[in-house]
């Protein structure tokens, strides 16, 4: 354990560097494996179209083809209008913009909007000396 702030900062930076190195190594290896897996998935998908089936049962396991819906906002004004007209709020996921909440709180005496629980936490930020 560090005895001085200088030691603590030095130790922290060394740990952060090592974690970044490990993360880069992991990401490189993971990308290689992800690329190989994507090629295998493409092969299985192509074969399923050729044969006209939606699953393959083999001694190694079963590969099945299913559809996933990927939805994105194409026109935010139209989407807002539809949500307001229909009341279909469940189309949105429960995630808040901390930037928007912080701005609201600054304008309302530190109070968050109704239904929002907001807390601030102190975090340590460590930077290397500038050269």
C-alpha atoms as a PDB file:
ATOM      1  CA  UNK A   1       0.000   0.000   0.000  1.00  0.00           C
ATOM      2  CA  UNK A   2       1.240   3.481  -0.873  1.00  0.00           C
ATOM      3  CA  UNK A   3       2.691   5.594   1.926  1.00  0.00           C
ATOM      4  CA  UNK A   4       2.502   8.963   0.143  1.00  0.00           C
ATOM      5  CA  UNK A   5       0.238  10.607  -2.389  1.00  0.00           C
ATOM      6  CA  UNK A   6       3.132  10.535  -4.869  1.00  0.00           C
ATOM      7  CA  UNK A   7       3.431   6.754  -4.373  1.00  0.00           C
ATOM      8  CA  UNK A   8      -0.344   6.360  -4.683  1.00  0.00           C
ATOM      9  CA  UNK A   9      -0.461   8.305  -7.953  1.00  0.00           C
ATOM     10  CA  UNK A  10       2.535   6.400  -9.363  1.00  0.00           C
ATOM     11  CA  UNK A  11       0.998   3.039  -8.345  1.00  0.00           C
ATOM     12  CA  UNK A  12      -2.374   3.995  -9.742  1.00  0.00           C
ATOM     13  CA  UNK A  13      -0.886   5.003 -13.101  1.00  0.00           C
ATOM     14  CA  UNK A  14       1.094   1.746 -13.272  1.00  0.00           C
ATOM     15  CA  UNK A  15      -2.056  -0.256 -12.572  1.00  0.00           C
ATOM     16  CA  UNK A  16      -4.025   1.731 -15.149  1.00  0.00           C
ATOM     17  CA  UNK A  17      -1.290   1.145 -17.751  1.00  0.00           C
ATOM     18  CA  UNK A  18      -1.267  -2.592 -17.046  1.00  0.00           C
ATOM     19  CA  UNK A  19      -5.077  -2.771 -17.259  1.00  0.00           C
ATOM     20  CA  UNK A  20      -5.024  -0.899 -20.590  1.00  0.00           C
ATOM     21  CA  UNK A  21      -2.388  -3.327 -21.897  1.00  0.00           C
ATOM     22  CA  UNK A  22      -4.488  -6.304 -20.817  1.00  0.00           C
ATOM     23  CA  UNK A  23      -7.582  -4.757 -22.373  1.00  0.00           C
ATOM     24  CA  UNK A  24      -5.793  -4.183 -25.711  1.00  0.00           C
ATOM     25  CA  UNK A  25      -4.510  -7.781 -25.705  1.00  0.00           C
ATOM     26  CA  UNK A  26      -7.990  -9.086 -24.910  1.00  0.00           C
ATOM     27  CA  UNK A  27      -9.623  -6.935 -27.596  1.00  0.00           C
ATOM     28  CA  UNK A  28      -7.106  -8.107 -30.229  1.00  0.00           C
ATOM     29  CA  UNK A  29      -7.693 -11.771 -29.389  1.00  0.00           C
ATOM     30  CA  UNK A  30     -11.445 -11.281 -29.095  1.00  0.00           C
ATOM     31  CA  UNK A  31     -11.591  -9.564 -32.503  1.00  0.00           C
ATOM     32  CA  UNK A  32      -9.789 -12.492 -34.133  1.00  0.00           C
ATOM     33  CA  UNK A  33     -12.213 -14.965 -32.535  1.00  0.00           C
ATOM     34  CA  UNK A  34     -15.239 -12.788 -33.347  1.00  0.00           C
ATOM     35  CA  UNK A  35     -14.154 -12.575 -36.993  1.00  0.00           C
ATOM     36  CA  UNK A  36     -13.775 -16.368 -37.197  1.00  0.00           C
ATOM     37  CA  UNK A  37     -17.162 -16.897 -35.512  1.00  0.00           C
ATOM     38  CA  UNK A  38     -18.804 -14.459 -37.979  1.00  0.00           C
ATOM     39  CA  UNK A  39     -17.375 -16.450 -40.913  1.00  0.00           C
ATOM     40  CA  UNK A  40     -18.719 -19.679 -39.417  1.00  0.00           C
ATOM     41  CA  UNK A  41     -22.157 -18.068 -38.896  1.00  0.00           C
ATOM     42  CA  UNK A  42     -22.141 -16.835 -42.512  1.00  0.00           C
ATOM     43  CA  UNK A  43     -21.255 -20.347 -43.710  1.00  0.00           C
ATOM     44  CA  UNK A  44     -24.109 -21.899 -41.701  1.00  0.00           C
ATOM     45  CA  UNK A  45     -26.569 -19.229 -42.872  1.00  0.00           C
ATOM     46  CA  UNK A  46     -25.524 -19.726 -46.520  1.00  0.00           C
ATOM     47  CA  UNK A  47     -25.893 -23.516 -46.174  1.00  0.00           C
ATOM     48  CA  UNK A  48     -29.340 -23.132 -44.567  1.00  0.00           C
ATOM     49  CA  UNK A  49     -30.490 -21.085 -47.575  1.00  0.00           C
ATOM     50  CA  UNK A  50     -28.989 -23.586 -50.027  1.00  0.00           C
ATOM     51  CA  UNK A  51     -30.666 -26.561 -48.336  1.00  0.00           C
ATOM     52  CA  UNK A  52     -33.862 -24.709 -47.386  1.00  0.00           C
ATOM     53  CA  UNK A  53     -33.846 -25.519 -43.657  1.00  0.00           C
ATOM     54  CA  UNK A  54     -33.796 -23.423 -40.499  1.00  0.00           C
ATOM     55  CA  UNK A  55     -31.756 -25.783 -38.323  1.00  0.00           C
ATOM     56  CA  UNK A  56     -29.023 -28.376 -38.512  1.00  0.00           C
ATOM     57  CA  UNK A  57     -28.711 -31.116 -35.909  1.00  0.00           C
ATOM     58  CA  UNK A  58     -25.238 -32.656 -35.794  1.00  0.00           C
ATOM     59  CA  UNK A  59     -23.329 -34.818 -33.319  1.00  0.00           C
ATOM     60  CA  UNK A  60     -21.445 -31.627 -32.292  1.00  0.00           C
ATOM     61  CA  UNK A  61     -24.652 -29.691 -31.580  1.00  0.00           C
ATOM     62  CA  UNK A  62     -27.576 -27.918 -33.215  1.00  0.00           C
ATOM     63  CA  UNK A  63     -27.391 -24.734 -35.285  1.00  0.00           C
ATOM     64  CA  UNK A  64     -30.652 -22.846 -35.662  1.00  0.00           C
ATOM     65  CA  UNK A  65     -31.583 -19.834 -37.755  1.00  0.00           C
ATOM     66  CA  UNK A  66     -33.850 -17.211 -36.207  1.00  0.00           C
ATOM     67  CA  UNK A  67     -34.749 -13.632 -36.957  1.00  0.00           C
ATOM     68  CA  UNK A  68     -33.688 -10.756 -34.743  1.00  0.00           C
ATOM     69  CA  UNK A  69     -35.395  -7.389 -35.095  1.00  0.00           C
ATOM     70  CA  UNK A  70     -33.052  -4.413 -35.050  1.00  0.00           C
ATOM     71  CA  UNK A  71     -34.908  -1.165 -34.610  1.00  0.00           C
ATOM     72  CA  UNK A  72     -33.474   2.333 -34.846  1.00  0.00           C
ATOM     73  CA  UNK A  73     -34.966   5.809 -34.834  1.00  0.00           C
ATOM     74  CA  UNK A  74     -35.352   6.964 -38.416  1.00  0.00           C
ATOM     75  CA  UNK A  75     -37.287  10.191 -37.771  1.00  0.00           C
ATOM     76  CA  UNK A  76     -37.296  11.314 -34.139  1.00  0.00           C
ATOM     77  CA  UNK A  77     -40.022  13.945 -34.701  1.00  0.00           C
ATOM     78  CA  UNK A  78     -42.385  11.359 -36.215  1.00  0.00           C
ATOM     79  CA  UNK A  79     -41.596   8.904 -33.434  1.00  0.00           C
ATOM     80  CA  UNK A  80     -42.305  11.493 -30.721  1.00  0.00           C
ATOM     81  CA  UNK A  81     -45.582  12.410 -32.431  1.00  0.00           C
ATOM     82  CA  UNK A  82     -46.644   8.748 -32.602  1.00  0.00           C
ATOM     83  CA  UNK A  83     -45.710   8.137 -28.946  1.00  0.00           C
ATOM     84  CA  UNK A  84     -47.657  11.206 -27.808  1.00  0.00           C
ATOM     85  CA  UNK A  85     -50.688  10.224 -29.911  1.00  0.00           C
ATOM     86  CA  UNK A  86     -50.739   6.593 -28.794  1.00  0.00           C
ATOM     87  CA  UNK A  87     -49.206   6.790 -25.324  1.00  0.00           C
ATOM     88  CA  UNK A  88     -46.889   3.916 -26.241  1.00  0.00           C
ATOM     89  CA  UNK A  89     -44.085   4.904 -23.903  1.00  0.00           C
ATOM     90  CA  UNK A  90     -42.855   1.309 -23.568  1.00  0.00           C
ATOM     91  CA  UNK A  91     -41.212   1.718 -26.975  1.00  0.00           C
ATOM     92  CA  UNK A  92     -38.403   3.427 -25.068  1.00  0.00           C
ATOM     93  CA  UNK A  93     -35.908   1.700 -22.810  1.00  0.00           C
ATOM     94  CA  UNK A  94     -35.389   2.973 -19.284  1.00  0.00           C
ATOM     95  CA  UNK A  95     -32.216   4.972 -19.597  1.00  0.00           C
ATOM     96  CA  UNK A  96     -31.740   8.602 -18.708  1.00  0.00           C
ATOM     97  CA  UNK A  97     -29.380  11.204 -20.087  1.00  0.00           C
ATOM     98  CA  UNK A  98     -27.239  12.340 -17.156  1.00  0.00           C
ATOM     99  CA  UNK A  99     -26.391  15.503 -19.113  1.00  0.00           C
ATOM    100  CA  UNK A 100     -30.071  16.429 -19.450  1.00  0.00           C
ATOM    101  CA  UNK A 101     -30.828  15.548 -15.815  1.00  0.00           C
ATOM    102  CA  UNK A 102     -27.849  17.600 -14.599  1.00  0.00           C
ATOM    103  CA  UNK A 103     -28.974  20.617 -16.663  1.00  0.00           C
ATOM    104  CA  UNK A 104     -32.520  20.296 -15.263  1.00  0.00           C
ATOM    105  CA  UNK A 105     -31.184  20.086 -11.716  1.00  0.00           C
ATOM    106  CA  UNK A 106     -29.035  23.185 -12.226  1.00  0.00           C
ATOM    107  CA  UNK A 107     -32.144  25.087 -13.336  1.00  0.00           C
ATOM    108  CA  UNK A 108     -34.328  23.744 -10.490  1.00  0.00           C
ATOM    109  CA  UNK A 109     -32.284  24.301  -7.346  1.00  0.00           C
ATOM    110  CA  UNK A 110     -30.567  20.920  -7.443  1.00  0.00           C
ATOM    111  CA  UNK A 111     -33.841  18.975  -7.601  1.00  0.00           C
ATOM    112  CA  UNK A 112     -34.184  16.188 -10.167  1.00  0.00           C
ATOM    113  CA  UNK A 113     -37.296  15.844 -12.350  1.00  0.00           C
ATOM    114  CA  UNK A 114     -40.264  14.013 -10.798  1.00  0.00           C
ATOM    115  CA  UNK A 115     -39.718  10.259 -10.775  1.00  0.00           C
ATOM    116  CA  UNK A 116     -35.941  10.544 -11.098  1.00  0.00           C
ATOM    117  CA  UNK A 117     -33.528   9.542  -8.357  1.00  0.00           C
ATOM    118  CA  UNK A 118     -30.196  11.300  -8.805  1.00  0.00           C
ATOM    119  CA  UNK A 119     -27.075  11.322  -6.679  1.00  0.00           C
ATOM    120  CA  UNK A 120     -23.591  12.669  -7.186  1.00  0.00           C
ATOM    121  CA  UNK A 121     -20.558  10.637  -6.250  1.00  0.00           C
ATOM    122  CA  UNK A 122     -17.003  11.778  -5.704  1.00  0.00           C
ATOM    123  CA  UNK A 123     -14.515   9.970  -7.901  1.00  0.00           C
ATOM    124  CA  UNK A 124     -10.756  10.252  -8.101  1.00  0.00           C
ATOM    125  CA  UNK A 125      -9.271  11.448 -11.379  1.00  0.00           C
ATOM    126  CA  UNK A 126      -5.558  10.912 -11.948  1.00  0.00           C
ATOM    127  CA  UNK A 127      -3.569  12.431 -14.812  1.00  0.00           C
ATOM    128  CA  UNK A 128       0.050  12.126 -15.810  1.00  0.00           C
ATOM    129  CA  UNK A 129       2.222  15.222 -15.517  1.00  0.00           C
ATOM    130  CA  UNK A 130       2.274  17.304 -18.692  1.00  0.00           C
ATOM    131  CA  UNK A 131       5.567  17.485 -20.466  1.00  0.00           C
END
